[in-house]
C-alpha atoms as a PDB file:
ATOM      1  CA  MET A   1      81.224 111.639  99.480  1.00  0.00           C
ATOM      2  CA  THR A   2      81.219 109.393 102.500  1.00  0.00           C
ATOM      3  CA  GLN A   3      83.365 106.303 102.303  1.00  0.00           C
ATOM      4  CA  GLU A   4      82.334 102.680 102.744  1.00  0.00           C
ATOM      5  CA  HIS A   5      85.002 101.371 105.048  1.00  0.00           C
ATOM      6  CA  CYS A   6      85.821 100.736 108.650  1.00  0.00           C
ATOM      7  CA  SER A   7      88.673 102.763 110.058  1.00  0.00           C
ATOM      8  CA  SER A   8      91.280 100.609 111.755  1.00  0.00           C
ATOM      9  CA  ARG A   9      94.876 100.302 112.817  1.00  0.00           C
ATOM     10  CA  LEU A  10      94.977  97.082 110.775  1.00  0.00           C
ATOM     11  CA  TYR A  11      96.034  99.071 107.710  1.00  0.00           C
ATOM     12  CA  ALA A  12      98.475 101.354 109.469  1.00  0.00           C
ATOM     13  CA  ASN A  13     102.186 100.618 109.655  1.00  0.00           C
ATOM     14  CA  GLU A  14     101.754  98.710 112.887  1.00  0.00           C
ATOM     15  CA  SER A  15     103.099  95.180 112.818  1.00  0.00           C
ATOM     16  CA  TYR A  16     101.056  92.318 114.172  1.00  0.00           C
ATOM     17  CA  GLN A  17     103.686  89.615 113.592  1.00  0.00           C
ATOM     18  CA  PRO A  18     101.956  87.423 110.978  1.00  0.00           C
ATOM     19  CA  VAL A  19     102.181  83.663 111.271  1.00  0.00           C
ATOM     20  CA  ALA A  20     102.811  81.523 108.213  1.00  0.00           C
ATOM     21  CA  PRO A  21      99.880  79.122 107.720  1.00  0.00           C
ATOM     22  CA  ARG A  22     100.458  75.458 108.411  1.00  0.00           C
ATOM     23  CA  ARG A  23      99.186  72.893 105.958  1.00  0.00           C
ATOM     24  CA  SER A  24      95.939  72.026 107.677  1.00  0.00           C
ATOM     25  CA  ALA A  25      92.257  71.372 107.078  1.00  0.00           C
ATOM     26  CA  ILE A  26      91.739  75.141 107.240  1.00  0.00           C
ATOM     27  CA  VAL A  27      94.160  75.813 104.378  1.00  0.00           C
ATOM     28  CA  GLU A  28      92.983  72.806 102.363  1.00  0.00           C
ATOM     29  CA  ASN A  29      89.357  73.994 102.444  1.00  0.00           C
ATOM     30  CA  LEU A  30      89.940  77.611 101.412  1.00  0.00           C
ATOM     31  CA  ASP A  31      88.517  77.051  97.931  1.00  0.00           C
ATOM     32  CA  SER A  32      85.115  76.363  99.464  1.00  0.00           C
ATOM     33  CA  TRP A  33      85.020  80.004 100.621  1.00  0.00           C
ATOM     34  CA  GLU A  34      85.288  81.416  97.102  1.00  0.00           C
ATOM     35  CA  ARG A  35      82.076  82.544  95.442  1.00  0.00           C
ATOM     36  CA  LYS A  36      80.722  84.709  92.646  1.00  0.00           C
ATOM     37  CA  GLU A  37      78.692  87.788  93.519  1.00  0.00           C
ATOM     38  CA  ARG A  38      76.938  90.621  91.712  1.00  0.00           C
ATOM     39  CA  THR A  39      76.760  94.261  92.656  1.00  0.00           C
ATOM     40  CA  ARG A  40      73.397  95.926  93.112  1.00  0.00           C
ATOM     41  CA  ASP A  41      73.644  97.136  89.512  1.00  0.00           C
ATOM     42  CA  GLY A  42      74.570  93.721  88.108  1.00  0.00           C
ATOM     43  CA  ALA A  43      78.380  93.762  87.783  1.00  0.00           C
ATOM     44  CA  GLU A  44      79.957  90.374  88.507  1.00  0.00           C
ATOM     45  CA  TYR A  45      82.878  89.952  90.893  1.00  0.00           C
ATOM     46  CA  ILE A  46      84.463  87.223  93.018  1.00  0.00           C
ATOM     47  CA  ILE A  47      84.966  87.027  96.782  1.00  0.00           C
ATOM     48  CA  ARG A  48      87.806  84.763  97.906  1.00  0.00           C
ATOM     49  CA  PRO A  49      90.366  84.393 100.700  1.00  0.00           C
ATOM     50  CA  VAL A  50      93.499  86.457 100.273  1.00  0.00           C
ATOM     51  CA  HIS A  51      96.543  84.565  98.921  1.00  0.00           C
ATOM     52  CA  ARG A  52     100.202  84.961  99.748  1.00  0.00           C
ATOM     53  CA  ASP A  53     100.911  85.944  96.125  1.00  0.00           C
ATOM     54  CA  ASP A  54      98.489  88.899  96.322  1.00  0.00           C
ATOM     55  CA  VAL A  55     101.193  91.372  97.371  1.00  0.00           C
ATOM     56  CA  ASP A  56     101.116  93.389  94.136  1.00  0.00           C
ATOM     57  CA  ARG A  57      97.316  93.418  94.030  1.00  0.00           C
ATOM     58  CA  GLU A  58      97.167  94.619  97.639  1.00  0.00           C
ATOM     59  CA  ARG A  59      99.663  97.392  96.930  1.00  0.00           C
ATOM     60  CA  GLU A  60      97.861  98.508  93.764  1.00  0.00           C
ATOM     61  CA  PHE A  61      94.538  98.535  95.618  1.00  0.00           C
ATOM     62  CA  ILE A  62      95.869 100.768  98.384  1.00  0.00           C
ATOM     63  CA  ASP A  63      97.686 103.034  95.914  1.00  0.00           C
ATOM     64  CA  GLY A  64      94.429 103.500  94.004  1.00  0.00           C
ATOM     65  CA  LEU A  65      92.421 104.734  96.989  1.00  0.00           C
ATOM     66  CA  SER A  66      91.565 108.395  97.240  1.00  0.00           C
ATOM     67  CA  GLU A  67      93.367 110.462  99.858  1.00  0.00           C
ATOM     68  CA  ARG A  68      90.204 110.733 101.922  1.00  0.00           C
ATOM     69  CA  THR A  69      89.547 106.994 101.892  1.00  0.00           C
ATOM     70  CA  ARG A  70      93.133 106.251 102.858  1.00  0.00           C
ATOM     71  CA  TYR A  71      93.002 108.892 105.599  1.00  0.00           C
ATOM     72  CA  GLU A  72      89.794 107.580 107.130  1.00  0.00           C
ATOM     73  CA  ARG A  73      90.716 103.908 106.962  1.00  0.00           C
ATOM     74  CA  THR A  74      93.973 104.455 108.889  1.00  0.00           C
ATOM     75  CA  MET A  75      92.599 106.979 111.410  1.00  0.00           C
ATOM     76  CA  GLY A  76      94.763 109.821 110.174  1.00  0.00           C
ATOM     77  CA  LEU A  77      97.748 108.208 108.457  1.00  0.00           C
ATOM     78  CA  ARG A  78      97.817 109.571 104.921  1.00  0.00           C
ATOM     79  CA  HIS A  79     100.876 107.678 103.696  1.00  0.00           C
ATOM     80  CA  ALA A  80     100.694 104.175 102.252  1.00  0.00           C
ATOM     81  CA  PRO A  81     101.747 101.155 104.334  1.00  0.00           C
ATOM     82  CA  SER A  82     105.389 100.144 104.054  1.00  0.00           C
ATOM     83  CA  PRO A  83     106.419  97.249 101.761  1.00  0.00           C
ATOM     84  CA  GLN A  84     106.896  95.095 104.855  1.00  0.00           C
ATOM     85  CA  ARG A  85     103.379  95.937 106.022  1.00  0.00           C
ATOM     86  CA  ILE A  86     101.946  94.994 102.614  1.00  0.00           C
ATOM     87  CA  GLU A  87     103.640  91.602 102.922  1.00  0.00           C
ATOM     88  CA  GLU A  88     102.128  91.148 106.373  1.00  0.00           C
ATOM     89  CA  LEU A  89      98.643  91.992 105.145  1.00  0.00           C
ATOM     90  CA  VAL A  90      98.580  89.059 102.697  1.00  0.00           C
ATOM     91  CA  HIS A  91     100.441  86.567 104.916  1.00  0.00           C
ATOM     92  CA  VAL A  92      97.490  85.537 107.066  1.00  0.00           C
ATOM     93  CA  ASP A  93      97.226  82.310 109.067  1.00  0.00           C
ATOM     94  CA  TYR A  94      93.563  81.718 108.081  1.00  0.00           C
ATOM     95  CA  LYS A  95      92.462  81.405 111.689  1.00  0.00           C
ATOM     96  CA  ASP A  96      93.443  84.242 114.026  1.00  0.00           C
ATOM     97  CA  CYS A  97      94.224  86.449 111.047  1.00  0.00           C
ATOM     98  CA  MET A  98      91.974  86.288 107.993  1.00  0.00           C
ATOM     99  CA  ALA A  99      91.138  88.411 104.960  1.00  0.00           C
ATOM    100  CA  PHE A 100      88.639  88.177 102.114  1.00  0.00           C
ATOM    101  CA  VAL A 101      89.094  90.110  98.898  1.00  0.00           C
ATOM    102  CA  ALA A 102      86.625  91.122  96.204  1.00  0.00           C
ATOM    103  CA  THR A 103      88.179  90.873  92.748  1.00  0.00           C
ATOM    104  CA  VAL A 104      87.339  91.604  89.133  1.00  0.00           C
ATOM    105  CA  GLY A 105      89.208  90.591  85.996  1.00  0.00           C
ATOM    106  CA  ASP A 106      90.480  87.335  84.538  1.00  0.00           C
ATOM    107  CA  GLU A 107      92.584  84.918  86.549  1.00  0.00           C
ATOM    108  CA  GLY A 108      95.855  86.345  85.310  1.00  0.00           C
ATOM    109  CA  ALA A 109      94.810  89.971  85.670  1.00  0.00           C
ATOM    110  CA  GLN A 110      92.707  90.132  88.804  1.00  0.00           C
ATOM    111  CA  ARG A 111      92.497  93.376  90.721  1.00  0.00           C
ATOM    112  CA  PHE A 112      91.081  94.089  94.151  1.00  0.00           C
ATOM    113  CA  ILE A 113      87.971  96.208  94.528  1.00  0.00           C
ATOM    114  CA  GLY A 114      87.450  95.555  98.236  1.00  0.00           C
ATOM    115  CA  ILE A 115      88.970  93.874 101.294  1.00  0.00           C
ATOM    116  CA  ALA A 116      87.610  92.754 104.665  1.00  0.00           C
ATOM    117  CA  ARG A 117      89.838  91.324 107.373  1.00  0.00           C
ATOM    118  CA  TYR A 118      90.097  90.491 111.033  1.00  0.00           C
ATOM    119  CA  VAL A 119      93.035  89.985 113.381  1.00  0.00           C
ATOM    120  CA  ARG A 120      92.902  88.382 116.817  1.00  0.00           C
ATOM    121  CA  GLU A 121      95.800  89.226 119.115  1.00  0.00           C
ATOM    122  CA  GLY A 122      95.959  87.766 122.587  1.00  0.00           C
ATOM    123  CA  GLY A 123      93.567  89.474 124.979  1.00  0.00           C
ATOM    124  CA  ARG A 124      93.008  92.496 122.697  1.00  0.00           C
ATOM    125  CA  GLY A 125      89.964  90.976 121.024  1.00  0.00           C
ATOM    126  CA  CYS A 126      89.399  90.406 117.321  1.00  0.00           C
ATOM    127  CA  GLU A 127      89.479  93.601 115.300  1.00  0.00           C
ATOM    128  CA  PHE A 128      87.874  93.851 111.869  1.00  0.00           C
ATOM    129  CA  ALA A 129      88.268  96.280 108.987  1.00  0.00           C
ATOM    130  CA  VAL A 130      86.629  96.636 105.587  1.00  0.00           C
ATOM    131  CA  VAL A 131      87.358  98.978 102.690  1.00  0.00           C
ATOM    132  CA  VAL A 132      85.939  99.253  99.178  1.00  0.00           C
ATOM    133  CA  ALA A 133      87.564 101.033  96.232  1.00  0.00           C
ATOM    134  CA  ASP A 134      86.100 104.495  95.705  1.00  0.00           C
ATOM    135  CA  GLU A 135      84.486 103.769  92.335  1.00  0.00           C
ATOM    136  CA  TRP A 136      82.832 100.580  93.676  1.00  0.00           C
ATOM    137  CA  GLN A 137      81.331 102.039  96.838  1.00  0.00           C
ATOM    138  CA  GLY A 138      77.584 102.003  97.464  1.00  0.00           C
ATOM    139  CA  ARG A 139      77.047  98.852  95.368  1.00  0.00           C
ATOM    140  CA  GLY A 140      76.794  96.192  98.091  1.00  0.00           C
ATOM    141  CA  ILE A 141      80.388  94.954  98.037  1.00  0.00           C
ATOM    142  CA  GLY A 142      81.133  95.935 101.630  1.00  0.00           C
ATOM    143  CA  SER A 143      78.087  93.998 102.849  1.00  0.00           C
ATOM    144  CA  ALA A 144      79.032  90.902 100.843  1.00  0.00           C
ATOM    145  CA  LEU A 145      82.612  90.981 102.139  1.00  0.00           C
ATOM    146  CA  MET A 146      81.463  91.366 105.727  1.00  0.00           C
ATOM    147  CA  CYS A 147      79.021  88.460 105.356  1.00  0.00           C
ATOM    148  CA  SER A 148      81.907  86.230 104.265  1.00  0.00           C
ATOM    149  CA  LEU A 149      84.152  87.476 107.069  1.00  0.00           C
ATOM    150  CA  ILE A 150      81.484  86.979 109.739  1.00  0.00           C
ATOM    151  CA  ALA A 151      80.585  83.498 108.479  1.00  0.00           C
ATOM    152  CA  TYR A 152      84.259  82.509 108.444  1.00  0.00           C
ATOM    153  CA  ALA A 153      84.846  83.901 111.942  1.00  0.00           C
ATOM    154  CA  ARG A 154      81.895  81.940 113.294  1.00  0.00           C
ATOM    155  CA  ALA A 155      83.102  78.754 111.595  1.00  0.00           C
ATOM    156  CA  HIS A 156      86.504  79.177 113.250  1.00  0.00           C
ATOM    157  CA  SER A 157      85.297  79.891 116.786  1.00  0.00           C
ATOM    158  CA  ILE A 158      85.972  83.620 116.859  1.00  0.00           C
ATOM    159  CA  PRO A 159      83.737  84.821 119.727  1.00  0.00           C
ATOM    160  CA  ALA A 160      83.264  88.435 118.613  1.00  0.00           C
ATOM    161  CA  LEU A 161      84.412  91.138 116.203  1.00  0.00           C
ATOM    162  CA  ASP A 162      85.101  94.732 117.110  1.00  0.00           C
ATOM    163  CA  GLY A 163      86.211  97.815 115.229  1.00  0.00           C
ATOM    164  CA  VAL A 164      86.147 101.599 115.148  1.00  0.00           C
ATOM    165  CA  ILE A 165      84.220 103.789 112.712  1.00  0.00           C
ATOM    166  CA  LEU A 166      84.325 107.525 112.190  1.00  0.00           C
ATOM    167  CA  ALA A 167      80.953 108.871 113.296  1.00  0.00           C
ATOM    168  CA  THR A 168      80.702 110.875 110.062  1.00  0.00           C
ATOM    169  CA  ASN A 169      81.143 107.756 107.914  1.00  0.00           C
ATOM    170  CA  SER A 170      77.443 107.249 107.218  1.00  0.00           C
ATOM    171  CA  ARG A 171      77.891 104.361 104.790  1.00  0.00           C
ATOM    172  CA  MET A 172      79.945 102.319 107.222  1.00  0.00           C
ATOM    173  CA  VAL A 173      77.604 103.141 110.087  1.00  0.00           C
ATOM    174  CA  ALA A 174      74.692 101.854 107.966  1.00  0.00           C
ATOM    175  CA  LEU A 175      76.675  98.741 107.001  1.00  0.00           C
ATOM    176  CA  ALA A 176      77.518  97.981 110.630  1.00  0.00           C
ATOM    177  CA  ARG A 177      73.856  98.239 111.549  1.00  0.00           C
ATOM    178  CA  ARG A 178      72.866  95.924 108.689  1.00  0.00           C
ATOM    179  CA  MET A 179      75.346  93.389 110.042  1.00  0.00           C
ATOM    180  CA  GLY A 180      73.640  93.578 113.463  1.00  0.00           C
ATOM    181  CA  MET A 181      76.534  95.314 115.211  1.00  0.00           C
ATOM    182  CA  THR A 182      76.201  97.313 118.403  1.00  0.00           C
ATOM    183  CA  LEU A 183      77.475 100.882 117.985  1.00  0.00           C
ATOM    184  CA  ARG A 184      78.523 103.108 120.871  1.00  0.00           C
ATOM    185  CA  MET A 185      80.198 106.491 121.025  1.00  0.00           C
ATOM    186  CA  SER A 186      83.813 106.131 122.098  1.00  0.00           C
ATOM    187  CA  GLU A 187      84.429 107.335 125.634  1.00  0.00           C
ATOM    188  CA  SER A 188      87.778 108.811 124.647  1.00  0.00           C
ATOM    189  CA  ASP A 189      86.825 110.432 121.322  1.00  0.00           C
ATOM    190  CA  ARG A 190      83.288 111.486 120.380  1.00  0.00           C
ATOM    191  CA  THR A 191      84.153 111.501 116.687  1.00  0.00           C
ATOM    192  CA  ILE A 192      84.553 107.704 116.819  1.00  0.00           C
ATOM    193  CA  LEU A 193      82.037 104.891 117.176  1.00  0.00           C
ATOM    194  CA  ASP A 194      83.019 101.547 118.683  1.00  0.00           C
ATOM    195  CA  ALA A 195      81.410  98.672 116.764  1.00  0.00           C
ATOM    196  CA  PHE A 196      80.887  95.237 118.301  1.00  0.00           C
ATOM    197  CA  LEU A 197      79.351  92.010 117.065  1.00  0.00           C
ATOM    198  CA  SER A 198      78.983  88.926 119.241  1.00  0.00           C
ATOM    199  CA  LEU A 199      79.306  85.722 117.232  1.00  0.00           C
END
């Protein structure tokens, strides 16, 4: 089965030097970005910004992915991110580095069923990635996460999002097109599509 996620180095063991968020209007207003959603078949879930205490939930989410999903999302790395990398993934600055998570379960027992994130690093652009748990794929969660991520990026003056998608990943290709992204075959690897969205 094809997987609903964008392949990206963002989940590999490559450090991007996270910045601890300052107490600012951005951090104070995070609650306004939380909302309830329903899957196409009626299951309720919540989309919210990632929190710094989500380390265990992030790790459990990644550990629960199938080998194929993990392989495709990290462009060939089959092993899980290191503990340090997990810490980095939840320590976002809510501006140049942002992540939204889709969760189910009560407040004290939430678990992740999807994640979308972007990272802006100097002149390298702003790279996005999205992944949905295998058993929740094809139910609209990836689209809902990307809508939140795109809206947040626009609200925080991110000029564009870019990412890479395996050409065989039909679900993610369809999702990128629904989001209005431009898709082009990579000049260096014809198995990869470069995705771009001007904001």
